[in-house]
Amino acid sequence: MLLPIYLYGHPVLRAETEEVTPDYPELQKLIADMWETMYNSEGVGLAAPQIGRSIRLIVLDGSVLAEDFPECKDSKMVLINPELDVIGDMSPVSRSEGCLSIPGLSENVKRVEHIRLNWLDENFVEHEKEFTGFLSRIIQHECDHLEGEVYTDHIAPIRKQLIKSKLNNIVKGKVRCDYRTKSASK
């Protein structure tokens, strides 16, 4: 089932998230619905707060970007209760990011290029793996959602000021999308 994507300004995007347990009601259906919603919206990642759930759950598939970013090949994953650590003392790299919850905008965001992630998959099997490059960026972006953050929290204040009216329009629901949305004003 296609779920609405909650837009910038909706309180659920800033809410504290709770850990997911194996007895979470209809978890497999929720995961399937998140996949369907993400692919329909042409996203490469979707965190539960973006569909109105304050839980620590992400679906991610950057495979469509593999031609430009080979590290994204075969990157389809369900991340339950992920814990992210920065590896090394790498200088952050600035790249353009967009977000399904902030449609029509993209901004340069500085992020590290090497992380270690611990998570549970959809069967609650534990994983630990290091990620680099653009795949690392996608994971960091989605994990930010679980911490009540969006990518615009990481841009320069002058850039935020320059896009303020566009963000305010998103808060008011004055934005066109090719997917179902739920704004703060609805």
N, C-alpha and C. Protein backbone atom coordinates (compact mmCIF):
# COMPACT_ATOMS: atom_id res chain seq x y z
N MET A 1 0.84 -1.18 0.00
CA MET A 1 0.00 0.00 0.00
C MET A 1 0.89 1.25 0.00
N LEU A 2 0.56 2.18 -0.85
CA LEU A 2 1.30 3.44 -0.89
C LEU A 2 0.92 4.30 0.31
N LEU A 3 1.93 4.75 1.00
CA LEU A 3 1.73 5.58 2.19
C LEU A 3 2.08 7.03 1.86
N PRO A 4 1.43 8.00 2.53
CA PRO A 4 1.81 9.39 2.30
C PRO A 4 3.17 9.68 2.95
N ILE A 5 3.95 10.53 2.28
CA ILE A 5 5.23 10.96 2.83
C ILE A 5 5.01 12.28 3.55
N TYR A 6 5.41 12.31 4.80
CA TYR A 6 5.24 13.50 5.63
C TYR A 6 6.28 14.54 5.24
N LEU A 7 5.82 15.76 5.06
CA LEU A 7 6.67 16.83 4.56
C LEU A 7 7.31 17.65 5.66
N TYR A 8 8.37 18.35 5.26
CA TYR A 8 9.10 19.27 6.13
C TYR A 8 8.11 20.12 6.92
N GLY A 9 8.38 20.24 8.21
CA GLY A 9 7.52 21.03 9.08
C GLY A 9 6.55 20.19 9.89
N HIS A 10 6.32 18.94 9.47
CA HIS A 10 5.42 18.07 10.24
C HIS A 10 6.15 17.63 11.51
N PRO A 11 5.50 17.72 12.66
CA PRO A 11 6.15 17.39 13.93
C PRO A 11 6.75 15.98 14.00
N VAL A 12 6.18 15.01 13.29
CA VAL A 12 6.69 13.64 13.36
C VAL A 12 8.14 13.56 12.87
N LEU A 13 8.55 14.47 12.00
CA LEU A 13 9.92 14.45 11.50
C LEU A 13 10.93 14.90 12.55
N ARG A 14 10.44 15.51 13.62
CA ARG A 14 11.34 15.97 14.70
C ARG A 14 11.16 15.16 15.98
N ALA A 15 10.24 14.21 15.97
CA ALA A 15 9.92 13.43 17.17
C ALA A 15 11.01 12.41 17.49
N GLU A 16 11.12 12.09 18.76
CA GLU A 16 12.03 11.03 19.20
C GLU A 16 11.51 9.69 18.69
N THR A 17 12.43 8.84 18.23
CA THR A 17 12.01 7.54 17.70
C THR A 17 12.29 6.44 18.72
N GLU A 18 11.47 5.41 18.66
CA GLU A 18 11.60 4.27 19.57
C GLU A 18 12.19 3.07 18.83
N GLU A 19 12.90 2.23 19.57
CA GLU A 19 13.46 1.01 18.99
C GLU A 19 12.33 0.07 18.57
N VAL A 20 12.61 -0.69 17.52
CA VAL A 20 11.65 -1.66 17.00
C VAL A 20 11.96 -3.01 17.63
N THR A 21 10.93 -3.69 18.09
CA THR A 21 11.07 -5.03 18.67
C THR A 21 10.43 -6.05 17.74
N PRO A 22 10.80 -7.33 17.87
CA PRO A 22 10.23 -8.35 16.99
C PRO A 22 8.71 -8.46 17.06
N ASP A 23 8.10 -7.99 18.15
CA ASP A 23 6.65 -8.08 18.26
C ASP A 23 5.93 -6.82 17.77
N TYR A 24 6.66 -5.93 17.06
CA TYR A 24 6.01 -4.73 16.52
C TYR A 24 4.88 -5.16 15.59
N PRO A 25 3.67 -4.62 15.76
CA PRO A 25 2.51 -5.07 14.98
C PRO A 25 2.69 -4.91 13.47
N GLU A 26 2.47 -5.99 12.75
CA GLU A 26 2.48 -6.01 11.29
C GLU A 26 3.75 -5.39 10.70
N LEU A 27 4.89 -5.70 11.29
CA LEU A 27 6.16 -5.12 10.86
C LEU A 27 6.47 -5.48 9.40
N GLN A 28 6.28 -6.73 9.01
CA GLN A 28 6.61 -7.13 7.63
C GLN A 28 5.73 -6.39 6.62
N LYS A 29 4.48 -6.17 6.95
CA LYS A 29 3.59 -5.40 6.06
C LYS A 29 4.06 -3.95 5.98
N LEU A 30 4.44 -3.38 7.11
CA LEU A 30 4.94 -2.01 7.12
C LEU A 30 6.18 -1.89 6.24
N ILE A 31 7.10 -2.83 6.36
CA ILE A 31 8.32 -2.82 5.54
C ILE A 31 7.95 -2.91 4.06
N ALA A 32 7.05 -3.81 3.71
CA ALA A 32 6.61 -3.94 2.31
C ALA A 32 5.99 -2.64 1.81
N ASP A 33 5.16 -2.01 2.64
CA ASP A 33 4.54 -0.74 2.27
C ASP A 33 5.58 0.36 2.11
N MET A 34 6.61 0.34 2.95
CA MET A 34 7.67 1.34 2.83
C MET A 34 8.45 1.14 1.54
N TRP A 35 8.74 -0.11 1.17
CA TRP A 35 9.41 -0.36 -0.12
C TRP A 35 8.57 0.19 -1.26
N GLU A 36 7.30 -0.16 -1.27
CA GLU A 36 6.41 0.28 -2.34
C GLU A 36 6.36 1.81 -2.41
N THR A 37 6.25 2.45 -1.26
CA THR A 37 6.19 3.91 -1.20
C THR A 37 7.49 4.54 -1.69
N MET A 38 8.63 4.01 -1.24
CA MET A 38 9.92 4.55 -1.65
C MET A 38 10.12 4.43 -3.15
N TYR A 39 9.88 3.24 -3.70
CA TYR A 39 10.09 3.05 -5.14
C TYR A 39 9.12 3.91 -5.95
N ASN A 40 7.87 4.00 -5.53
CA ASN A 40 6.88 4.81 -6.23
C ASN A 40 7.27 6.29 -6.22
N SER A 41 7.96 6.73 -5.18
CA SER A 41 8.37 8.13 -5.05
C SER A 41 9.74 8.38 -5.68
N GLU A 42 10.33 7.33 -6.24
CA GLU A 42 11.66 7.39 -6.86
C GLU A 42 12.73 7.82 -5.88
N GLY A 43 12.62 7.33 -4.65
CA GLY A 43 13.62 7.59 -3.62
C GLY A 43 14.62 6.46 -3.55
N VAL A 44 15.72 6.71 -2.82
CA VAL A 44 16.72 5.66 -2.60
C VAL A 44 16.78 5.27 -1.12
N GLY A 45 15.98 5.93 -0.31
CA GLY A 45 15.89 5.61 1.10
C GLY A 45 14.62 6.20 1.68
N LEU A 46 14.10 5.55 2.72
CA LEU A 46 12.90 6.04 3.38
C LEU A 46 12.96 5.61 4.84
N ALA A 47 12.87 6.58 5.73
CA ALA A 47 12.87 6.30 7.16
C ALA A 47 11.44 6.37 7.68
N ALA A 48 11.16 5.57 8.70
CA ALA A 48 9.80 5.49 9.25
C ALA A 48 9.20 6.85 9.63
N PRO A 49 9.95 7.79 10.21
CA PRO A 49 9.33 9.09 10.49
C PRO A 49 8.75 9.76 9.25
N GLN A 50 9.31 9.48 8.09
CA GLN A 50 8.81 10.08 6.86
C GLN A 50 7.45 9.55 6.45
N ILE A 51 7.02 8.45 7.04
CA ILE A 51 5.68 7.94 6.78
C ILE A 51 4.83 7.99 8.05
N GLY A 52 5.26 8.83 8.99
CA GLY A 52 4.46 9.11 10.17
C GLY A 52 4.65 8.16 11.34
N ARG A 53 5.69 7.33 11.30
CA ARG A 53 5.95 6.39 12.40
C ARG A 53 7.23 6.79 13.13
N SER A 54 7.14 6.99 14.41
CA SER A 54 8.31 7.38 15.22
C SER A 54 9.05 6.16 15.74
N ILE A 55 9.54 5.37 14.79
CA ILE A 55 10.29 4.16 15.12
C ILE A 55 11.59 4.15 14.33
N ARG A 56 12.54 3.32 14.79
CA ARG A 56 13.88 3.27 14.20
C ARG A 56 13.93 2.20 13.09
N LEU A 57 13.39 2.56 11.93
CA LEU A 57 13.27 1.66 10.79
C LEU A 57 13.54 2.43 9.51
N ILE A 58 14.37 1.84 8.65
CA ILE A 58 14.74 2.44 7.36
C ILE A 58 14.70 1.36 6.29
N VAL A 59 14.22 1.71 5.10
CA VAL A 59 14.44 0.89 3.92
C VAL A 59 15.34 1.70 2.99
N LEU A 60 16.24 1.02 2.31
CA LEU A 60 17.25 1.73 1.53
C LEU A 60 17.65 0.89 0.32
N ASP A 61 17.72 1.51 -0.85
CA ASP A 61 18.20 0.83 -2.05
C ASP A 61 18.78 1.87 -3.00
N GLY A 62 20.07 2.00 -2.98
CA GLY A 62 20.75 2.96 -3.85
C GLY A 62 21.22 2.35 -5.16
N SER A 63 20.75 1.15 -5.47
CA SER A 63 21.22 0.43 -6.66
C SER A 63 21.06 1.23 -7.95
N VAL A 64 20.04 2.07 -8.05
CA VAL A 64 19.82 2.86 -9.26
C VAL A 64 20.96 3.86 -9.50
N LEU A 65 21.75 4.11 -8.48
CA LEU A 65 22.86 5.06 -8.59
C LEU A 65 24.20 4.38 -8.86
N ALA A 66 24.19 3.05 -9.03
CA ALA A 66 25.42 2.27 -9.11
C ALA A 66 26.30 2.65 -10.30
N GLU A 67 25.72 3.14 -11.39
CA GLU A 67 26.54 3.53 -12.54
C GLU A 67 27.49 4.67 -12.16
N ASP A 68 26.98 5.64 -11.41
CA ASP A 68 27.80 6.77 -10.98
C ASP A 68 28.54 6.50 -9.67
N PHE A 69 27.94 5.66 -8.82
CA PHE A 69 28.50 5.36 -7.50
C PHE A 69 28.51 3.83 -7.32
N PRO A 70 29.58 3.16 -7.77
CA PRO A 70 29.63 1.69 -7.74
C PRO A 70 29.38 1.09 -6.36
N GLU A 71 29.70 1.81 -5.29
CA GLU A 71 29.47 1.30 -3.94
C GLU A 71 27.99 1.10 -3.63
N CYS A 72 27.12 1.68 -4.46
CA CYS A 72 25.67 1.55 -4.25
C CYS A 72 25.08 0.28 -4.88
N LYS A 73 25.89 -0.44 -5.66
CA LYS A 73 25.41 -1.67 -6.29
C LYS A 73 24.98 -2.67 -5.21
N ASP A 74 23.85 -3.31 -5.43
CA ASP A 74 23.33 -4.33 -4.50
C ASP A 74 23.22 -3.79 -3.08
N SER A 75 22.68 -2.60 -2.94
CA SER A 75 22.62 -1.96 -1.62
C SER A 75 21.23 -2.03 -0.98
N LYS A 76 20.37 -2.89 -1.46
CA LYS A 76 19.02 -2.99 -0.90
C LYS A 76 19.09 -3.57 0.52
N MET A 77 18.59 -2.78 1.50
CA MET A 77 18.68 -3.19 2.90
C MET A 77 17.49 -2.67 3.71
N VAL A 78 17.13 -3.43 4.71
CA VAL A 78 16.23 -2.97 5.77
C VAL A 78 17.11 -2.75 6.99
N LEU A 79 17.02 -1.57 7.57
CA LEU A 79 17.82 -1.24 8.75
C LEU A 79 16.89 -1.03 9.94
N ILE A 80 16.97 -1.92 10.90
CA ILE A 80 16.19 -1.80 12.13
C ILE A 80 17.15 -1.43 13.26
N ASN A 81 16.80 -0.40 14.00
CA ASN A 81 17.60 0.09 15.14
C ASN A 81 19.07 0.30 14.78
N PRO A 82 19.35 1.01 13.67
CA PRO A 82 20.75 1.19 13.28
C PRO A 82 21.52 2.08 14.24
N GLU A 83 22.81 1.74 14.39
CA GLU A 83 23.74 2.55 15.19
C GLU A 83 24.92 2.86 14.29
N LEU A 84 25.19 4.13 14.11
CA LEU A 84 26.18 4.59 13.15
C LEU A 84 27.39 5.18 13.87
N ASP A 85 28.59 4.83 13.41
CA ASP A 85 29.84 5.39 13.93
C ASP A 85 30.67 5.90 12.77
N VAL A 86 31.26 7.08 12.95
CA VAL A 86 32.19 7.63 11.97
C VAL A 86 33.52 6.92 12.15
N ILE A 87 34.15 6.56 11.03
CA ILE A 87 35.43 5.87 11.08
C ILE A 87 36.53 6.84 10.64
N GLY A 88 37.60 6.86 11.41
CA GLY A 88 38.76 7.68 11.05
C GLY A 88 38.50 9.16 11.26
N ASP A 89 39.47 9.93 10.83
CA ASP A 89 39.41 11.38 10.98
C ASP A 89 39.32 12.01 9.60
N MET A 90 38.34 11.54 8.84
CA MET A 90 38.21 12.02 7.47
C MET A 90 37.54 13.38 7.43
N SER A 91 38.00 14.22 6.54
CA SER A 91 37.36 15.51 6.34
C SER A 91 36.03 15.30 5.62
N PRO A 92 35.01 16.01 6.05
CA PRO A 92 33.72 15.87 5.36
C PRO A 92 33.79 16.32 3.90
N VAL A 93 33.00 15.68 3.07
CA VAL A 93 32.91 16.00 1.65
C VAL A 93 31.53 16.59 1.40
N SER A 94 31.49 17.65 0.61
CA SER A 94 30.23 18.31 0.29
C SER A 94 29.66 17.75 -1.01
N ARG A 95 28.40 17.31 -0.95
CA ARG A 95 27.68 16.81 -2.13
C ARG A 95 26.23 17.24 -2.03
N SER A 96 25.58 17.28 -3.15
CA SER A 96 24.17 17.66 -3.20
C SER A 96 23.30 16.53 -2.65
N GLU A 97 22.31 16.91 -1.84
CA GLU A 97 21.33 15.95 -1.32
C GLU A 97 19.93 16.50 -1.51
N GLY A 98 19.01 15.59 -1.70
CA GLY A 98 17.59 15.92 -1.73
C GLY A 98 16.88 15.00 -0.75
N CYS A 99 15.58 15.19 -0.61
CA CYS A 99 14.83 14.39 0.36
C CYS A 99 13.37 14.35 -0.06
N LEU A 100 12.76 13.17 0.06
CA LEU A 100 11.34 13.04 -0.27
C LEU A 100 10.47 13.92 0.61
N SER A 101 10.93 14.24 1.82
CA SER A 101 10.16 15.10 2.73
C SER A 101 10.39 16.58 2.46
N ILE A 102 11.32 16.89 1.56
CA ILE A 102 11.60 18.29 1.19
C ILE A 102 11.63 18.34 -0.34
N PRO A 103 10.47 18.12 -0.98
CA PRO A 103 10.44 18.00 -2.44
C PRO A 103 10.83 19.29 -3.15
N GLY A 104 11.49 19.10 -4.30
CA GLY A 104 11.83 20.23 -5.14
C GLY A 104 13.08 20.98 -4.75
N LEU A 105 13.74 20.58 -3.69
CA LEU A 105 14.95 21.25 -3.24
C LEU A 105 16.10 20.27 -3.15
N SER A 106 17.30 20.79 -3.33
CA SER A 106 18.52 20.04 -3.03
C SER A 106 19.56 21.05 -2.61
N GLU A 107 20.43 20.64 -1.71
CA GLU A 107 21.47 21.52 -1.18
C GLU A 107 22.73 20.71 -0.94
N ASN A 108 23.86 21.38 -0.96
CA ASN A 108 25.12 20.73 -0.64
C ASN A 108 25.23 20.52 0.86
N VAL A 109 25.56 19.29 1.24
CA VAL A 109 25.69 18.91 2.65
C VAL A 109 27.06 18.26 2.83
N LYS A 110 27.75 18.65 3.89
CA LYS A 110 29.04 18.03 4.21
C LYS A 110 28.81 16.81 5.09
N ARG A 111 29.37 15.68 4.65
CA ARG A 111 29.28 14.43 5.42
C ARG A 111 30.61 13.69 5.28
N VAL A 112 30.90 12.86 6.27
CA VAL A 112 32.07 12.00 6.18
C VAL A 112 31.79 10.91 5.15
N GLU A 113 32.85 10.31 4.64
CA GLU A 113 32.71 9.32 3.57
C GLU A 113 32.91 7.88 4.05
N HIS A 114 33.13 7.67 5.35
CA HIS A 114 33.43 6.32 5.84
C HIS A 114 32.75 6.14 7.20
N ILE A 115 31.85 5.16 7.26
CA ILE A 115 31.12 4.90 8.50
C ILE A 115 31.10 3.40 8.79
N ARG A 116 30.79 3.09 10.03
CA ARG A 116 30.51 1.71 10.44
C ARG A 116 29.07 1.70 10.93
N LEU A 117 28.32 0.68 10.53
CA LEU A 117 26.92 0.59 10.90
C LEU A 117 26.64 -0.76 11.54
N ASN A 118 25.93 -0.73 12.66
CA ASN A 118 25.38 -1.93 13.29
C ASN A 118 23.87 -1.83 13.15
N TRP A 119 23.22 -2.93 12.75
CA TRP A 119 21.77 -2.91 12.59
C TRP A 119 21.22 -4.32 12.61
N LEU A 120 19.92 -4.39 12.68
CA LEU A 120 19.19 -5.65 12.55
C LEU A 120 18.47 -5.61 11.22
N ASP A 121 18.40 -6.75 10.53
CA ASP A 121 17.64 -6.79 9.29
C ASP A 121 16.19 -7.13 9.59
N GLU A 122 15.39 -7.33 8.55
CA GLU A 122 13.96 -7.57 8.74
C GLU A 122 13.66 -8.87 9.49
N ASN A 123 14.65 -9.76 9.60
CA ASN A 123 14.49 -11.00 10.37
C ASN A 123 15.15 -10.92 11.75
N PHE A 124 15.56 -9.71 12.11
CA PHE A 124 16.22 -9.41 13.38
C PHE A 124 17.57 -10.13 13.52
N VAL A 125 18.22 -10.32 12.38
CA VAL A 125 19.59 -10.82 12.36
C VAL A 125 20.51 -9.61 12.45
N GLU A 126 21.50 -9.70 13.34
CA GLU A 126 22.40 -8.58 13.58
C GLU A 126 23.49 -8.51 12.50
N HIS A 127 23.81 -7.27 12.08
CA HIS A 127 24.85 -7.03 11.08
C HIS A 127 25.75 -5.91 11.55
N GLU A 128 27.00 -5.96 11.10
CA GLU A 128 27.95 -4.86 11.27
C GLU A 128 28.76 -4.77 10.00
N LYS A 129 28.85 -3.57 9.44
CA LYS A 129 29.56 -3.41 8.18
C LYS A 129 30.03 -1.97 8.04
N GLU A 130 31.12 -1.78 7.29
CA GLU A 130 31.61 -0.45 6.97
C GLU A 130 31.11 -0.06 5.59
N PHE A 131 30.79 1.22 5.44
CA PHE A 131 30.31 1.76 4.17
C PHE A 131 31.11 3.01 3.83
N THR A 132 31.28 3.23 2.53
CA THR A 132 32.04 4.40 2.07
C THR A 132 31.27 5.12 0.97
N GLY A 133 31.78 6.29 0.62
CA GLY A 133 31.27 7.03 -0.53
C GLY A 133 29.82 7.44 -0.42
N PHE A 134 29.14 7.42 -1.56
CA PHE A 134 27.77 7.91 -1.62
C PHE A 134 26.81 7.03 -0.83
N LEU A 135 27.07 5.73 -0.77
CA LEU A 135 26.22 4.85 0.02
C LEU A 135 26.29 5.24 1.50
N SER A 136 27.46 5.60 1.96
CA SER A 136 27.62 6.08 3.33
C SER A 136 26.77 7.33 3.55
N ARG A 137 26.72 8.21 2.55
CA ARG A 137 25.92 9.44 2.64
C ARG A 137 24.42 9.12 2.73
N ILE A 138 23.95 8.18 1.92
CA ILE A 138 22.54 7.81 1.95
C ILE A 138 22.18 7.28 3.35
N ILE A 139 23.03 6.43 3.88
CA ILE A 139 22.77 5.85 5.22
C ILE A 139 22.75 6.95 6.27
N GLN A 140 23.72 7.87 6.23
CA GLN A 140 23.75 8.97 7.20
C GLN A 140 22.49 9.83 7.09
N HIS A 141 22.08 10.12 5.86
CA HIS A 141 20.88 10.94 5.63
C HIS A 141 19.66 10.27 6.26
N GLU A 142 19.49 8.98 6.01
CA GLU A 142 18.32 8.26 6.56
C GLU A 142 18.41 8.13 8.07
N CYS A 143 19.60 7.87 8.59
CA CYS A 143 19.75 7.78 10.06
C CYS A 143 19.47 9.12 10.72
N ASP A 144 19.77 10.23 10.05
CA ASP A 144 19.41 11.54 10.59
C ASP A 144 17.93 11.63 10.88
N HIS A 145 17.10 11.06 9.99
CA HIS A 145 15.65 11.09 10.21
C HIS A 145 15.27 10.43 11.53
N LEU A 146 16.01 9.40 11.92
CA LEU A 146 15.72 8.71 13.18
C LEU A 146 16.11 9.54 14.39
N GLU A 147 16.93 10.57 14.15
CA GLU A 147 17.37 11.48 15.23
C GLU A 147 16.61 12.79 15.19
N GLY A 148 15.55 12.86 14.38
CA GLY A 148 14.76 14.08 14.29
C GLY A 148 15.42 15.18 13.49
N GLU A 149 16.31 14.80 12.58
CA GLU A 149 17.02 15.79 11.76
C GLU A 149 16.68 15.60 10.29
N VAL A 150 16.79 16.70 9.54
CA VAL A 150 16.68 16.66 8.09
C VAL A 150 17.93 17.32 7.51
N TYR A 151 18.19 17.09 6.23
CA TYR A 151 19.46 17.56 5.68
C TYR A 151 19.65 19.07 5.76
N THR A 152 18.55 19.83 5.76
CA THR A 152 18.70 21.29 5.84
C THR A 152 19.27 21.73 7.19
N ASP A 153 19.26 20.85 8.19
CA ASP A 153 19.88 21.16 9.48
C ASP A 153 21.41 21.24 9.34
N HIS A 154 21.94 20.70 8.25
CA HIS A 154 23.39 20.62 8.06
C HIS A 154 23.93 21.61 7.03
N ILE A 155 23.08 22.50 6.54
CA ILE A 155 23.57 23.44 5.53
C ILE A 155 23.95 24.77 6.19
N ALA A 156 24.71 25.55 5.46
CA ALA A 156 25.16 26.85 5.97
C ALA A 156 23.97 27.76 6.26
N PRO A 157 24.03 28.56 7.33
CA PRO A 157 22.92 29.46 7.67
C PRO A 157 22.49 30.38 6.53
N ILE A 158 23.44 30.85 5.74
CA ILE A 158 23.08 31.73 4.62
C ILE A 158 22.25 30.98 3.58
N ARG A 159 22.59 29.71 3.34
CA ARG A 159 21.80 28.90 2.39
C ARG A 159 20.40 28.66 2.95
N LYS A 160 20.32 28.40 4.24
CA LYS A 160 19.01 28.17 4.85
C LYS A 160 18.13 29.41 4.73
N GLN A 161 18.74 30.57 4.90
CA GLN A 161 18.01 31.83 4.76
C GLN A 161 17.51 32.00 3.32
N LEU A 162 18.34 31.62 2.36
CA LEU A 162 17.98 31.78 0.95
C LEU A 162 16.83 30.87 0.52
N ILE A 163 16.67 29.73 1.19
CA ILE A 163 15.58 28.81 0.82
C ILE A 163 14.41 28.86 1.81
N LYS A 164 14.44 29.80 2.72
CA LYS A 164 13.43 29.89 3.78
C LYS A 164 12.00 29.95 3.22
N SER A 165 11.78 30.76 2.19
CA SER A 165 10.42 30.88 1.65
C SER A 165 9.96 29.56 1.02
N LYS A 166 10.89 28.83 0.37
CA LYS A 166 10.53 27.53 -0.21
C LYS A 166 10.19 26.53 0.89
N LEU A 167 10.96 26.55 1.98
CA LEU A 167 10.66 25.65 3.10
C LEU A 167 9.32 26.01 3.73
N ASN A 168 9.04 27.29 3.86
CA ASN A 168 7.75 27.72 4.42
C ASN A 168 6.58 27.26 3.54
N ASN A 169 6.77 27.29 2.22
CA ASN A 169 5.72 26.80 1.32
C ASN A 169 5.49 25.30 1.52
N ILE A 170 6.57 24.55 1.74
CA ILE A 170 6.42 23.12 1.99
C ILE A 170 5.64 22.90 3.29
N VAL A 171 5.97 23.66 4.33
CA VAL A 171 5.25 23.56 5.61
C VAL A 171 3.75 23.80 5.39
N LYS A 172 3.41 24.74 4.53
CA LYS A 172 2.01 25.09 4.27
C LYS A 172 1.34 24.12 3.29
N GLY A 173 2.12 23.19 2.74
CA GLY A 173 1.55 22.25 1.78
C GLY A 173 1.49 22.80 0.37
N LYS A 174 2.14 23.91 0.13
CA LYS A 174 2.15 24.54 -1.20
C LYS A 174 3.32 24.00 -2.01
N VAL A 175 3.20 22.76 -2.41
CA VAL A 175 4.25 22.09 -3.16
C VAL A 175 3.60 21.02 -4.03
N ARG A 176 4.16 20.82 -5.23
CA ARG A 176 3.65 19.79 -6.14
C ARG A 176 4.54 18.56 -6.06
N CYS A 177 3.91 17.42 -5.92
CA CYS A 177 4.64 16.15 -5.86
C CYS A 177 3.94 15.12 -6.73
N ASP A 178 4.72 14.17 -7.21
CA ASP A 178 4.17 13.06 -7.96
C ASP A 178 3.82 11.89 -7.05
N TYR A 179 3.87 12.11 -5.74
CA TYR A 179 3.56 11.07 -4.76
C TYR A 179 2.70 11.67 -3.67
N ARG A 180 2.03 10.78 -2.92
CA ARG A 180 1.15 11.22 -1.83
C ARG A 180 1.95 11.86 -0.72
N THR A 181 1.45 12.97 -0.20
CA THR A 181 2.15 13.65 0.88
C THR A 181 1.18 14.05 1.98
N LYS A 182 1.75 14.39 3.12
CA LYS A 182 0.99 14.91 4.25
C LYS A 182 1.80 16.06 4.81
N SER A 183 1.26 17.25 4.73
CA SER A 183 1.99 18.43 5.21
C SER A 183 1.62 18.73 6.65
N ALA A 184 2.36 19.64 7.24
CA ALA A 184 2.10 20.07 8.62
C ALA A 184 0.77 20.77 8.73
N SER A 185 0.29 21.34 7.62
CA SER A 185 -0.96 22.10 7.65
C SER A 185 -2.20 21.24 7.42
N LYS A 186 -2.02 19.97 7.05
CA LYS A 186 -3.17 19.08 6.80
C LYS A 186 -3.62 18.40 8.06
